[in-house]
Protein backbone atom coordinates (compact mmCIF):
# COMPACT_ATOMS: atom_id res chain seq x y z
CA MET A 1 61.05 132.86 195.24
CA ARG A 2 63.35 135.87 194.88
CA ALA A 3 67.00 134.98 194.97
CA PRO A 4 69.00 136.22 197.88
CA GLY A 5 70.91 139.40 197.15
CA PHE A 6 68.91 140.19 193.97
CA GLY A 7 65.63 141.86 193.35
CA ARG A 8 63.59 143.79 190.79
CA PRO A 9 64.62 147.38 189.99
CA THR A 10 62.99 149.80 192.33
CA ALA A 11 59.66 150.94 190.87
CA ALA A 12 60.82 152.77 187.60
CA VAL A 13 61.18 158.03 182.61
CA THR A 14 63.76 160.48 181.88
CA PRO A 15 63.14 161.43 178.31
CA SER A 16 65.12 159.48 175.74
CA TYR A 17 67.83 161.60 174.22
CA PRO A 18 68.32 162.70 171.63
CA PRO A 19 64.60 162.92 170.56
CA ARG A 20 63.67 161.70 167.04
CA GLY A 21 65.30 163.98 164.59
CA GLY A 22 68.53 164.36 166.59
CA ALA A 23 69.95 167.12 168.71
CA SER A 24 72.92 169.33 168.92
CA SER A 25 76.08 168.12 170.56
CA ARG A 26 75.89 171.07 172.99
CA ALA A 27 73.05 169.27 174.85
CA LEU A 28 74.88 165.95 175.16
CA PRO A 29 76.41 165.11 178.52
CA THR A 30 80.17 165.46 178.73
CA VAL A 31 80.93 163.42 181.80
CA ALA A 32 79.31 160.60 183.82
CA ASP A 33 80.40 158.21 186.48
CA TYR A 34 79.44 155.09 184.57
CA VAL A 35 79.23 154.99 180.74
CA ILE A 36 77.41 151.86 179.51
CA VAL A 37 77.65 151.28 175.75
CA GLY A 38 74.78 149.30 174.31
CA GLY A 39 71.17 149.35 175.41
CA GLY A 40 70.54 145.69 174.64
CA THR A 41 69.82 142.73 176.94
CA ALA A 42 72.77 143.09 179.21
CA GLY A 43 72.98 146.87 178.99
CA CYS A 44 69.50 147.46 180.23
CA VAL A 45 70.12 145.16 183.23
CA VAL A 46 73.40 146.70 184.20
CA ALA A 47 72.17 150.28 183.77
CA ALA A 48 69.08 149.69 185.84
CA ARG A 49 70.92 147.85 188.60
CA LEU A 50 73.75 150.46 188.85
CA CYS A 51 71.61 153.56 188.80
CA ALA A 52 69.08 152.21 191.33
CA ALA A 53 71.74 151.19 193.79
CA ARG A 54 73.92 154.34 193.33
CA PRO A 55 71.45 157.25 193.27
CA ALA A 56 74.36 159.77 193.66
CA ALA A 57 76.15 158.41 190.61
CA LYS A 58 75.41 159.65 187.03
CA VAL A 59 74.82 156.67 184.68
CA VAL A 60 74.69 157.18 180.91
CA LEU A 61 73.35 154.38 178.71
CA ILE A 62 74.07 154.72 175.03
CA GLU A 63 71.92 152.88 172.42
CA ARG A 64 72.65 153.18 168.74
CA GLY A 65 69.08 152.56 167.70
CA ALA A 66 66.67 155.55 167.45
CA PRO A 67 63.55 155.72 169.52
CA ARG A 68 60.96 153.43 167.96
CA THR A 69 57.97 154.75 166.09
CA PRO A 70 54.47 153.76 167.39
CA ALA A 71 54.25 151.26 164.57
CA GLN A 72 57.58 149.77 165.32
CA GLU A 73 56.69 149.61 169.06
CA GLU A 74 53.54 147.57 168.34
CA ASN A 75 55.50 145.19 166.05
CA VAL A 76 58.10 144.62 168.76
CA ARG A 77 55.51 144.07 171.49
CA ALA A 78 53.02 141.87 169.63
CA MET A 79 54.28 138.27 169.84
CA GLY A 80 52.75 137.34 166.48
CA LEU A 81 54.45 140.03 164.47
CA LEU A 82 58.01 138.74 164.64
CA ALA A 83 58.31 138.52 160.90
CA SER A 84 57.61 142.22 160.58
CA VAL A 85 60.27 142.99 163.18
CA TRP A 86 62.95 141.02 161.39
CA ALA A 87 62.12 142.75 158.14
CA ASP A 88 62.49 146.21 159.63
CA PRO A 89 66.09 147.56 159.41
CA GLY A 90 65.10 150.21 161.96
CA VAL A 91 65.04 147.71 164.78
CA ALA A 92 66.94 144.64 163.42
CA GLU A 93 70.24 144.78 161.63
CA GLY A 94 70.71 142.09 158.99
CA TRP A 95 73.62 141.25 156.78
CA LEU A 96 75.42 138.30 155.18
CA SER A 97 78.27 136.16 156.41
CA THR A 98 81.19 135.25 154.30
CA PRO A 99 80.86 132.02 152.29
CA ASN A 100 80.78 128.87 154.41
CA ALA A 101 82.76 125.93 153.20
CA GLY A 102 80.59 123.58 155.32
CA LEU A 103 77.51 124.85 153.39
CA ASP A 104 79.06 124.32 149.93
CA GLY A 105 80.10 127.97 149.83
CA ARG A 106 76.73 129.48 150.74
CA GLN A 107 76.51 132.74 152.72
CA VAL A 108 73.89 132.92 155.49
CA GLY A 109 71.87 135.78 156.90
CA LEU A 110 72.87 137.27 160.24
CA LEU A 111 70.63 139.26 162.52
CA THR A 112 71.07 141.34 165.64
CA GLY A 113 68.99 143.85 167.56
CA ALA A 114 69.47 147.48 166.67
CA THR A 115 67.05 149.00 169.12
CA LEU A 116 66.48 149.46 172.85
CA GLY A 117 66.34 146.01 174.40
CA GLY A 118 68.65 144.65 171.77
CA SER A 119 68.08 141.02 170.74
CA SER A 120 65.67 140.56 173.64
CA ALA A 121 63.36 142.91 171.73
CA ILE A 122 63.56 141.00 168.40
CA ASN A 123 64.08 137.35 169.32
CA ALA A 124 61.27 134.70 169.48
CA ALA A 125 60.99 135.42 173.22
CA GLN A 126 61.58 131.80 174.12
CA TRP A 127 62.99 131.31 177.63
CA THR A 128 65.24 128.28 177.73
CA VAL A 129 67.91 127.63 180.41
CA PRO A 130 70.98 125.39 180.25
CA THR A 131 71.00 122.44 182.61
CA GLY A 132 73.94 121.14 184.67
CA ALA A 133 77.28 122.90 184.87
CA TYR A 134 77.60 125.59 182.24
CA ALA A 135 78.27 129.08 183.56
CA SER A 136 80.68 127.65 186.12
CA THR A 137 82.90 126.61 183.19
CA TRP A 138 83.36 130.15 181.78
CA GLY A 139 86.20 131.20 184.12
CA VAL A 140 84.35 134.24 185.62
CA ALA A 141 85.54 134.87 189.17
CA GLY A 142 83.10 133.58 191.77
CA LEU A 143 80.54 132.33 189.20
CA ASP A 144 80.00 128.84 190.46
CA ASP A 145 76.77 126.85 189.98
CA GLU A 146 75.18 128.29 193.12
CA ALA A 147 75.94 131.88 192.10
CA ALA A 148 74.68 131.25 188.62
CA GLY A 149 71.49 129.75 189.92
CA ALA A 150 70.82 132.82 192.08
CA ALA A 151 71.37 135.08 189.08
CA TYR A 152 69.17 133.01 186.77
CA ALA A 153 66.43 133.14 189.43
CA ALA A 154 66.84 136.91 189.74
CA ALA A 155 66.44 137.28 185.96
CA GLU A 156 63.39 135.06 185.95
CA ASP A 157 61.93 137.03 188.87
CA THR A 158 62.19 140.19 186.84
CA VAL A 159 61.39 139.02 183.31
CA GLN A 160 58.72 136.56 184.55
CA PRO A 161 58.81 134.01 181.74
CA ALA A 162 55.82 131.63 181.68
CA PRO A 163 53.85 129.47 179.25
CA PRO A 164 51.17 131.46 177.38
CA PRO A 165 47.66 131.31 178.74
CA PRO A 166 45.30 128.86 176.95
CA ARG A 167 43.74 131.53 174.72
CA LEU A 168 47.24 132.40 173.42
CA MET A 169 48.61 128.89 173.19
CA PRO A 170 49.27 127.96 169.56
CA VAL A 171 46.71 125.37 168.42
CA TYR A 172 47.87 121.80 168.16
CA THR A 173 50.59 122.35 170.77
CA ASP A 174 49.23 119.58 172.99
CA ASP A 175 48.96 117.26 169.98
CA TYR A 176 52.64 117.78 169.16
CA VAL A 177 53.76 117.28 172.79
CA ALA A 178 51.74 114.03 172.95
CA ALA A 179 53.24 112.85 169.66
CA SER A 180 56.69 113.55 171.06
CA ALA A 181 56.03 111.47 174.11
CA SER A 182 54.89 108.55 171.93
CA VAL A 183 58.30 108.35 170.29
CA GLY A 184 60.32 108.66 173.46
CA GLN A 185 60.50 112.43 174.07
CA PRO A 186 58.34 112.98 177.19
CA ARG A 187 56.79 116.25 178.27
CA VAL A 188 59.06 118.25 180.62
CA ALA A 189 56.97 119.77 183.38
CA ASP A 190 59.37 122.51 184.57
CA PRO A 191 61.89 123.47 181.88
CA THR A 192 63.40 126.20 184.08
CA ASN A 193 64.59 123.63 186.60
CA ARG A 194 68.33 123.61 185.79
CA SER A 195 68.96 120.48 187.91
CA ASN A 196 66.65 118.46 185.68
CA ALA A 197 68.59 117.60 182.59
CA ALA A 198 66.11 115.05 181.27
CA ASP A 199 65.38 115.19 177.59
CA GLY A 200 61.94 116.02 176.34
CA VAL A 201 59.50 118.58 174.94
CA TRP A 202 57.37 121.31 176.52
CA PRO A 203 55.12 124.17 175.45
CA ASN A 204 57.17 127.38 175.12
CA TRP A 205 57.97 129.45 178.11
CA LEU A 206 57.88 132.99 176.86
CA ALA A 207 59.21 136.40 177.95
CA ALA A 208 55.72 137.87 177.52
CA ASP A 209 52.69 138.81 179.56
CA ALA A 210 49.26 137.17 179.50
CA ALA A 211 48.05 139.60 176.83
CA GLY A 212 50.67 138.53 174.31
CA ARG A 213 52.99 141.48 174.83
CA ARG A 214 56.75 140.98 174.76
CA ARG A 215 58.63 141.69 177.92
CA ASP A 216 62.18 142.48 176.95
CA ALA A 217 65.15 143.84 178.95
CA CYS A 218 63.94 147.39 178.51
CA THR A 219 60.39 146.85 179.73
CA ALA A 220 61.48 144.53 182.50
CA TYR A 221 64.42 146.49 183.85
CA LEU A 222 64.65 150.04 182.50
CA ASP A 223 61.02 151.13 182.39
CA PRO A 224 60.37 150.68 186.11
CA VAL A 225 63.35 152.73 187.23
CA ARG A 226 62.99 155.52 184.53
CA ARG A 227 59.36 156.45 184.96
CA PRO A 228 58.54 159.59 186.93
CA GLY A 229 59.18 158.86 190.58
CA GLY A 230 61.34 155.86 189.72
CA ALA A 231 64.62 155.11 191.38
CA CYS A 232 66.68 156.46 188.51
CA GLU A 233 64.52 159.40 187.35
CA ASP A 234 67.34 161.82 188.21
CA ASN A 235 70.57 159.93 187.66
CA LEU A 236 70.10 157.84 184.51
CA VAL A 237 70.48 159.38 181.05
CA LEU A 238 69.46 157.38 178.04
CA LEU A 239 71.01 158.38 174.74
CA GLN A 240 69.22 156.83 171.76
CA GLY A 241 70.27 157.13 168.17
CA MET A 242 73.96 157.58 169.07
CA THR A 243 76.76 155.27 168.04
CA VAL A 244 80.03 154.94 169.89
CA LYS A 245 82.88 154.82 167.37
CA ARG A 246 85.65 154.15 169.84
CA VAL A 247 86.64 153.92 173.47
CA VAL A 248 89.13 156.59 174.45
CA LEU A 249 92.27 154.92 175.79
CA ARG A 250 95.01 156.71 177.47
CA ARG A 251 98.34 155.21 178.65
CA GLN A 252 98.93 155.69 182.39
CA ALA A 253 102.29 157.23 183.09
CA SER A 254 104.76 154.74 184.57
CA SER A 255 106.71 155.94 187.61
CA HIS A 256 109.44 153.29 187.39
CA ARG A 257 110.99 150.94 184.94
CA ARG A 258 109.05 147.77 184.34
CA PRO A 259 110.66 144.30 184.10
CA TRP A 260 111.03 142.80 180.66
CA TRP A 261 108.05 140.50 181.06
CA TRP A 262 105.58 143.35 181.83
CA ARG A 263 104.33 143.76 178.30
CA THR A 264 103.03 140.23 177.98
CA ARG A 265 102.13 139.30 181.57
CA GLY A 266 101.30 142.44 183.37
CA MET A 267 99.57 144.00 180.40
CA GLY A 268 97.64 140.87 179.42
CA GLY A 269 98.55 141.60 175.77
CA ARG A 270 101.18 143.25 173.60
CA GLY A 271 101.36 146.99 173.05
CA PRO A 272 103.53 148.79 170.52
CA ARG A 273 107.19 148.40 171.13
CA GLY A 274 108.76 150.98 173.47
CA GLU A 275 105.46 151.99 175.16
CA CYS A 276 105.06 151.46 178.94
CA GLY A 277 102.36 152.01 181.45
CA ARG A 278 98.96 150.41 181.62
CA LEU A 279 96.13 151.61 179.38
CA VAL A 280 93.17 153.33 180.99
CA ALA A 281 89.68 153.90 179.47
CA THR A 282 88.70 157.47 180.05
CA GLY A 283 85.51 157.72 178.01
CA VAL A 284 84.03 157.23 174.56
CA GLU A 285 83.58 159.12 171.31
CA LEU A 286 80.11 159.04 169.82
CA VAL A 287 78.30 160.24 166.72
CA PRO A 288 74.67 160.43 165.63
CA SER A 289 73.74 156.95 164.23
CA ALA A 290 71.80 158.68 161.43
CA ALA A 291 75.06 160.02 160.03
CA LEU A 292 76.31 156.49 159.37
CA VAL A 293 75.19 154.47 156.28
CA SER A 294 72.18 152.29 157.15
CA PRO A 295 72.09 148.60 156.36
CA SER A 296 69.25 149.18 153.81
CA ALA A 297 71.29 151.86 152.10
CA ARG A 298 74.30 149.65 152.05
CA MET A 299 72.23 146.83 150.50
CA GLN A 300 71.00 149.26 147.81
CA GLN A 301 74.61 150.10 147.00
CA LYS A 302 75.42 146.39 146.66
CA ASN A 303 72.40 145.86 144.47
CA GLY A 304 73.46 148.71 142.18
CA THR A 305 70.53 151.02 142.86
CA ASP A 306 72.78 153.68 144.36
CA PRO A 307 76.25 154.72 143.36
CA PRO A 308 78.84 152.95 145.60
CA SER A 309 80.57 154.85 148.30
CA SER A 310 84.09 154.49 149.58
CA GLY A 311 82.79 154.05 153.16
CA THR A 312 80.88 155.90 155.81
CA SER A 313 81.59 159.58 156.14
CA VAL A 314 81.92 159.93 159.90
CA PRO A 315 80.97 163.35 161.33
CA SER A 316 82.83 165.06 164.06
CA SER A 317 82.40 163.19 167.30
CA HIS A 318 81.39 164.05 170.81
CA THR A 319 83.50 162.86 173.71
CA LEU A 320 81.84 161.57 176.89
CA SER A 321 84.18 161.04 179.82
CA ALA A 322 83.73 158.34 182.47
CA ARG A 323 84.83 159.12 185.97
CA ALA A 324 84.56 155.56 187.21
CA GLU A 325 84.29 153.02 184.37
CA VAL A 326 83.26 152.25 180.81
CA VAL A 327 81.19 149.09 180.51
CA LEU A 328 80.64 147.60 177.04
CA THR A 329 77.31 145.84 176.72
CA ALA A 330 76.92 146.18 172.92
CA GLY A 331 76.36 142.46 172.34
CA PRO A 332 78.14 139.62 170.52
CA TYR A 333 78.98 141.76 167.52
CA GLY A 334 78.99 145.30 168.88
CA SER A 335 81.48 144.90 171.74
CA PRO A 336 84.16 143.07 169.67
CA LYS A 337 83.69 145.70 166.91
CA LEU A 338 84.11 148.57 169.33
CA LEU A 339 87.25 147.03 170.86
CA GLN A 340 88.75 146.66 167.32
CA LEU A 341 87.75 150.21 166.38
CA SER A 342 89.52 151.38 169.58
CA GLY A 343 92.77 149.73 168.54
CA VAL A 344 92.39 146.55 170.63
CA GLY A 345 92.56 143.37 168.54
CA PRO A 346 94.63 141.36 166.09
CA PRO A 347 97.17 143.66 164.43
CA ASP A 348 96.45 142.37 160.89
CA VAL A 349 92.65 143.00 161.29
CA LEU A 350 93.31 146.53 162.65
CA ALA A 351 95.85 147.34 159.98
CA ALA A 352 93.56 146.23 157.20
CA ALA A 353 90.85 148.58 158.49
CA GLY A 354 93.24 151.47 158.95
CA VAL A 355 93.04 151.43 162.76
CA GLN A 356 96.16 152.23 164.76
CA PRO A 357 96.95 149.17 166.89
CA ILE A 358 97.14 149.97 170.62
CA LEU A 359 96.88 146.56 172.28
CA GLU A 360 97.17 143.15 170.72
CA LEU A 361 94.40 140.77 171.93
CA PRO A 362 92.61 138.02 170.07
CA VAL A 363 89.35 139.97 169.79
CA GLY A 364 86.99 138.20 167.46
CA ARG A 365 89.29 135.22 166.91
CA ARG A 366 87.49 132.55 168.95
CA VAL A 367 83.82 132.90 168.04
CA PHE A 368 81.05 130.24 168.01
CA VAL A 369 78.05 130.66 165.72
CA ARG A 370 75.18 128.26 166.24
CA PRO A 371 74.13 126.12 163.23
CA LEU A 372 70.44 125.63 162.54
CA GLY A 373 68.57 123.13 160.42
CA HIS A 374 64.83 122.52 159.81
CA ILE A 375 62.20 120.33 158.30
CA GLU A 376 58.70 121.18 157.08
CA THR A 377 55.61 118.92 157.25
CA LYS A 378 52.26 119.70 155.65
CA TYR A 379 48.99 118.91 157.44
CA GLU A 380 45.76 118.70 155.44
CA GLY A 381 43.11 117.00 157.74
CA VAL A 382 42.66 119.79 160.21
CA PRO A 383 42.09 123.58 159.83
CA VAL A 384 44.99 125.93 159.20
CA ALA A 385 46.39 127.19 162.52
CA PRO A 386 45.02 130.73 163.14
CA SER A 387 48.50 131.92 164.03
CA ALA A 388 49.59 131.09 160.45
CA ASN A 389 47.72 134.22 159.30
CA LEU A 390 50.65 136.58 158.74
CA SER A 391 48.39 139.31 157.35
CA ALA A 392 46.47 139.61 160.65
CA GLY A 393 48.57 142.53 161.70
CA ALA A 394 46.76 144.66 159.09
CA ASP A 395 43.29 143.77 160.35
CA PRO A 396 41.96 146.72 162.37
CA GLU A 397 39.69 144.50 164.53
CA VAL A 398 42.55 142.17 165.36
CA VAL A 399 44.92 145.06 166.19
CA ALA A 400 42.26 146.74 168.29
CA ALA A 401 41.73 143.52 170.32
CA TRP A 402 45.39 143.19 170.99
CA ARG A 403 45.76 146.89 172.03
CA ALA A 404 42.89 146.36 174.46
CA GLY A 405 44.76 143.54 176.13
CA ARG A 406 42.60 140.68 174.71
CA GLY A 407 45.44 138.99 172.88
CA GLY A 408 44.10 137.49 169.66
CA VAL A 409 46.03 136.27 166.73
CA ILE A 410 48.83 138.78 166.86
CA GLY A 411 49.34 137.98 170.49
CA ILE A 412 50.14 134.35 169.69
CA ALA A 413 53.87 133.63 169.53
CA SER A 414 55.54 132.39 166.35
CA THR A 415 56.78 129.22 167.99
CA ALA A 416 54.93 126.56 170.02
CA THR A 417 57.34 124.19 171.72
CA ASN A 418 60.92 123.69 172.80
CA GLY A 419 62.73 120.45 173.49
CA ARG A 420 66.23 119.21 174.31
CA ILE A 421 68.30 116.32 173.15
CA ALA A 422 71.36 116.22 175.35
CA ALA A 423 73.03 113.38 173.44
CA GLU A 424 73.09 115.61 170.38
CA ALA A 425 74.19 118.69 172.29
CA GLY A 426 71.24 120.50 170.90
CA TYR A 427 67.64 121.56 171.31
CA THR A 428 64.51 122.03 169.24
CA SER A 429 61.70 124.40 168.52
CA THR A 430 58.44 124.07 166.55
CA GLY A 431 55.95 126.47 165.10
CA TRP A 432 52.78 126.34 163.08
CA ARG A 433 53.66 129.47 161.15
CA PRO A 434 56.68 130.51 159.08
CA LEU A 435 59.22 133.06 160.43
CA ILE A 436 59.41 135.07 157.23
CA VAL A 437 56.92 137.45 155.63
CA GLY A 438 54.81 136.28 152.68
CA ARG A 439 54.38 132.54 153.36
CA GLU A 440 51.05 131.37 154.67
CA PHE A 441 50.21 127.75 154.42
CA PRO A 442 49.37 124.72 156.63
CA HIS A 443 52.89 123.55 157.54
CA LEU A 444 54.53 122.49 160.77
CA PHE A 445 58.04 123.86 161.00
CA THR A 446 60.56 122.00 163.19
CA TYR A 447 63.95 123.55 163.95
CA CYS A 448 67.07 121.83 165.38
CA PHE A 449 69.78 123.93 167.05
CA ALA A 450 73.22 122.36 167.17
CA THR A 451 76.26 123.41 169.23
CA SER A 452 79.21 124.50 167.18
CA SER A 453 82.67 123.15 167.95
CA THR A 454 84.39 125.11 165.22
CA PHE A 455 85.83 128.61 165.79
CA GLY A 456 84.58 131.43 163.57
CA SER A 457 85.84 134.97 163.45
CA LEU A 458 84.68 138.57 163.51
CA SER A 459 86.62 141.37 161.79
CA LEU A 460 86.20 145.00 160.92
CA ASP A 461 85.09 145.63 157.34
CA PRO A 462 88.15 147.34 155.71
CA ALA A 463 85.89 149.18 153.31
CA ASP A 464 83.81 150.75 156.04
CA PRO A 465 85.07 149.99 159.58
CA VAL A 466 82.68 152.26 161.45
CA GLY A 467 79.44 152.08 159.45
CA ALA A 468 79.45 148.49 158.18
CA PRO A 469 78.64 145.36 160.23
CA LEU A 470 81.52 143.08 161.05
CA VAL A 471 82.80 140.59 158.52
CA VAL A 472 81.58 137.29 160.03
CA ASP A 473 83.30 134.01 159.07
CA ALA A 474 80.81 131.68 160.80
CA LYS A 475 82.43 128.40 159.62
CA LEU A 476 79.06 126.66 159.91
CA LEU A 477 79.04 122.85 159.80
CA GLU A 478 82.70 122.49 158.97
CA SER A 479 82.83 119.66 161.53
CA PRO A 480 81.47 116.30 160.28
CA GLU A 481 80.28 115.54 163.79
CA GLU A 482 78.21 118.73 163.82
CA VAL A 483 76.57 117.62 160.60
CA ALA A 484 75.85 114.18 162.02
CA GLN A 485 74.44 115.60 165.22
CA LEU A 486 72.14 117.95 163.38
CA GLY A 487 71.02 115.16 161.07
CA ARG A 488 70.07 112.93 163.97
CA CYS A 489 68.11 115.71 165.62
CA LEU A 490 66.23 116.37 162.41
CA ALA A 491 65.52 112.67 161.91
CA ALA A 492 64.08 112.47 165.47
CA SER A 493 61.94 115.48 164.75
CA ARG A 494 60.72 113.90 161.53
CA ALA A 495 59.60 110.92 163.56
CA VAL A 496 57.57 113.13 165.85
CA ALA A 497 55.81 114.73 162.87
CA ALA A 498 54.91 111.27 161.57
CA ALA A 499 53.53 110.35 165.00
CA MET A 500 50.95 113.16 164.91
CA PRO A 501 47.29 111.94 165.23
CA PRO A 502 45.93 110.48 161.99
CA PRO A 503 43.38 113.24 161.43
CA PHE A 504 46.21 115.70 160.72
CA VAL A 505 47.21 113.74 157.50
CA MET A 506 50.87 114.75 157.77
CA THR A 507 53.03 114.75 154.64
CA ASP A 508 56.73 115.55 154.40
CA VAL A 509 57.56 118.63 152.42
CA LEU A 510 61.19 119.39 153.27
CA PRO A 511 62.81 117.02 152.67
CA PRO A 512 60.24 115.44 150.37
CA PRO A 513 58.78 111.98 151.04
CA GLY A 514 61.33 109.27 150.74
CA VAL A 515 64.31 111.64 150.72
CA PRO A 516 66.70 110.81 153.57
CA ILE A 517 68.03 113.36 156.06
CA ASP A 518 71.65 112.77 155.18
CA GLU A 519 74.81 114.88 155.01
CA ALA A 520 73.78 116.41 151.66
CA TYR A 521 70.42 117.48 152.99
CA VAL A 522 71.80 118.95 156.23
CA ARG A 523 74.39 120.99 154.34
CA SER A 524 71.83 122.16 151.83
CA ILE A 525 69.50 123.70 154.51
CA GLY A 526 71.98 124.69 157.16
CA GLN A 527 71.64 128.25 158.46
CA THR A 528 72.57 130.19 161.56
CA ALA A 529 70.28 130.47 164.59
CA PHE A 530 71.46 134.04 165.18
CA HIS A 531 73.26 132.86 168.37
CA THR A 532 76.93 134.07 168.56
CA VAL A 533 79.29 134.15 171.51
CA GLY A 534 83.00 134.48 172.26
CA GLY A 535 84.24 137.57 170.45
CA SER A 536 85.57 138.99 173.76
CA ALA A 537 85.93 135.65 175.52
CA VAL A 538 86.89 135.36 179.18
CA GLY A 539 90.45 134.20 179.51
CA LEU A 540 91.51 135.47 176.10
CA VAL A 541 90.23 139.03 175.79
CA THR A 542 88.70 139.67 179.17
CA ASP A 543 89.98 138.57 182.60
CA PRO A 544 87.99 136.66 185.22
CA HIS A 545 86.53 140.01 186.40
CA LEU A 546 85.36 140.84 182.89
CA ARG A 547 88.00 143.61 182.50
CA VAL A 548 89.60 143.93 179.09
CA ARG A 549 93.06 142.50 179.65
CA GLY A 550 95.65 145.26 180.02
CA VAL A 551 93.13 148.03 180.28
CA ARG A 552 91.90 149.66 183.51
CA ARG A 553 88.33 150.93 183.90
CA LEU A 554 86.98 148.96 180.89
CA ARG A 555 84.84 145.85 181.22
CA VAL A 556 82.66 143.81 178.89
CA VAL A 557 79.37 142.38 180.13
CA ASP A 558 77.44 140.62 177.33
CA ALA A 559 77.29 137.53 175.14
CA SER A 560 80.70 138.32 173.63
CA VAL A 561 82.53 137.34 176.84
CA ILE A 562 80.76 133.92 177.06
CA PRO A 563 83.32 131.40 175.79
CA SER A 564 80.89 128.58 174.67
CA LEU A 565 77.36 128.13 173.54
CA PRO A 566 74.84 126.56 175.93
CA PRO A 567 74.33 123.07 174.43
CA THR A 568 70.65 122.62 175.19
CA ALA A 569 69.29 126.14 175.37
CA GLY A 570 69.43 129.53 173.69
CA PRO A 571 71.80 132.14 175.10
CA VAL A 572 69.51 135.01 176.12
CA SER A 573 68.70 133.65 179.66
CA SER A 574 72.44 133.26 180.26
CA VAL A 575 73.08 136.87 179.07
CA TYR A 576 70.50 138.06 181.60
CA MET A 577 72.16 135.86 184.29
CA LEU A 578 75.62 137.23 183.52
CA ALA A 579 74.39 140.84 183.66
CA GLU A 580 72.67 140.20 187.00
CA TYR A 581 75.76 138.56 188.41
CA ALA A 582 78.19 141.19 187.16
CA SER A 583 76.05 144.02 188.45
CA ARG A 584 75.92 142.48 191.92
CA ARG A 585 79.68 142.01 191.97
CA LEU A 586 80.35 145.58 190.65
CA LEU A 587 78.02 147.04 193.28
CA GLY A 588 79.80 145.00 195.95
CA GLY A 589 83.03 146.67 194.93
CA VAL A 590 85.31 144.12 196.53
CA GLY A 591 88.83 143.58 195.23
CA GLU A 592 89.13 143.26 191.44
CA TRP A 593 85.41 143.90 191.11
CA ALA A 594 85.78 147.47 192.52
CA MET A 595 84.80 150.06 189.98
CA GLY A 596 87.82 151.54 188.29
CA ALA A 597 90.06 148.56 189.06
């Protein structure tokens, strides 16, 4: 049932701009009503909703990733080619965290989408929703449980998550679900029912169609309104391959003397001494992304294959003015980074990066990064799962079948089930194939996702503030209770693997037989689940109406404003929900939600 007040974008392409190979700045737009920075999960939703409802308004959506090649497009769409997507720096940006004390000093890999659709285009496409009160605890104005439920329903109505059809269901899924039930983790019939918080396991619900093609924020929201004859054919401009290097902030002239407390209360943060008047976002400065050092080039420099550079050489920028509002939707890393590049953040972080401080706010100071642990179990009594064939993507017949809409091996998702364990504030996922390239063997992979209670941080890289990813201090597993919770989840998952039917002949691989899942093991295999929130948290950096505190005409609508991780679900459904809710409130234009407020 469609939620009241929401609906799918009106049947929806203006050409992506600039085309592959770039374009001159003369052709770039110089002014728009709404400038939306970041064509990821939230950005596609907000852009589609605004342009469809305001046909007289010019909406510009800026995405740093270049248009995908045909090969990249197939990798993104095919549910079974996730490993190839993660290995491609043209669509997924990867880098390392700082050393984690909770992991005995190990660094961990970080990953985020660097393409249209953002992380909804590169994730495992699992659709999990938090149960009970979650969004209502964020502090967003009007976002109670009823409003959140309506926005979740609107997102589900558009993205249409569902279990895969039988021909695309990973083999042995039913066996695993039955084994879970035998050890006290029953099958959950409707995992999208947010009022049912019961623990259990279920076959994946996926953001994909019945042919095994991913349905991300771009295909679900943008494509329908951008196609010829679509609602936004004439008023939505998509700029791909362009990176915003800062938001242009101007200080509004003050007509009278402010009281002494204005700087800290009225402004919502501290500005340089002696300055008065509220800041206003008037637009953005952007440059071609190709002019910035790529992650792969940066890795080559670190490996010594190229001479090191002193940082990215930033070309002259183009200014795009916003008549109504700038909306940051650049994701959990991109929006905090852009605020810091714009002079909004902790003074010490800005000074270290050579950025002139404009407004002191705790951008990137209260971040949660989700810890992940896993076990591996070998099966020898049944055939290897067909989906474990990671080389299938190179088989012409397999590819032709998928292109024809018949699914096949590369239409089968990399994961098979999800589950939740509320007592451990976590959830689980399983798969019969590895998530990295080059490993093909008969193993069951079980993952446990914990909920971090330790603040991490995000900071500009002083050596290359514009071109380099943020410096991420994830602080994974620094809390003993997090380690214990993850250990109990992994032990429960080990029991499920042991309960698989005898013909499977299951054998522990990681940890090996007889080795306990203790603190040492958990810390040795701990990683990040690529889930990060809080860099622009509501209440600290943004106000209840998602405005950057102390700045007019500048809002943030993405995972970075979410102040806590959902304990029994991934974050992507909640990002969709937030974008649906914020779009509706912005279009309503009442009070503090009025555009330009």
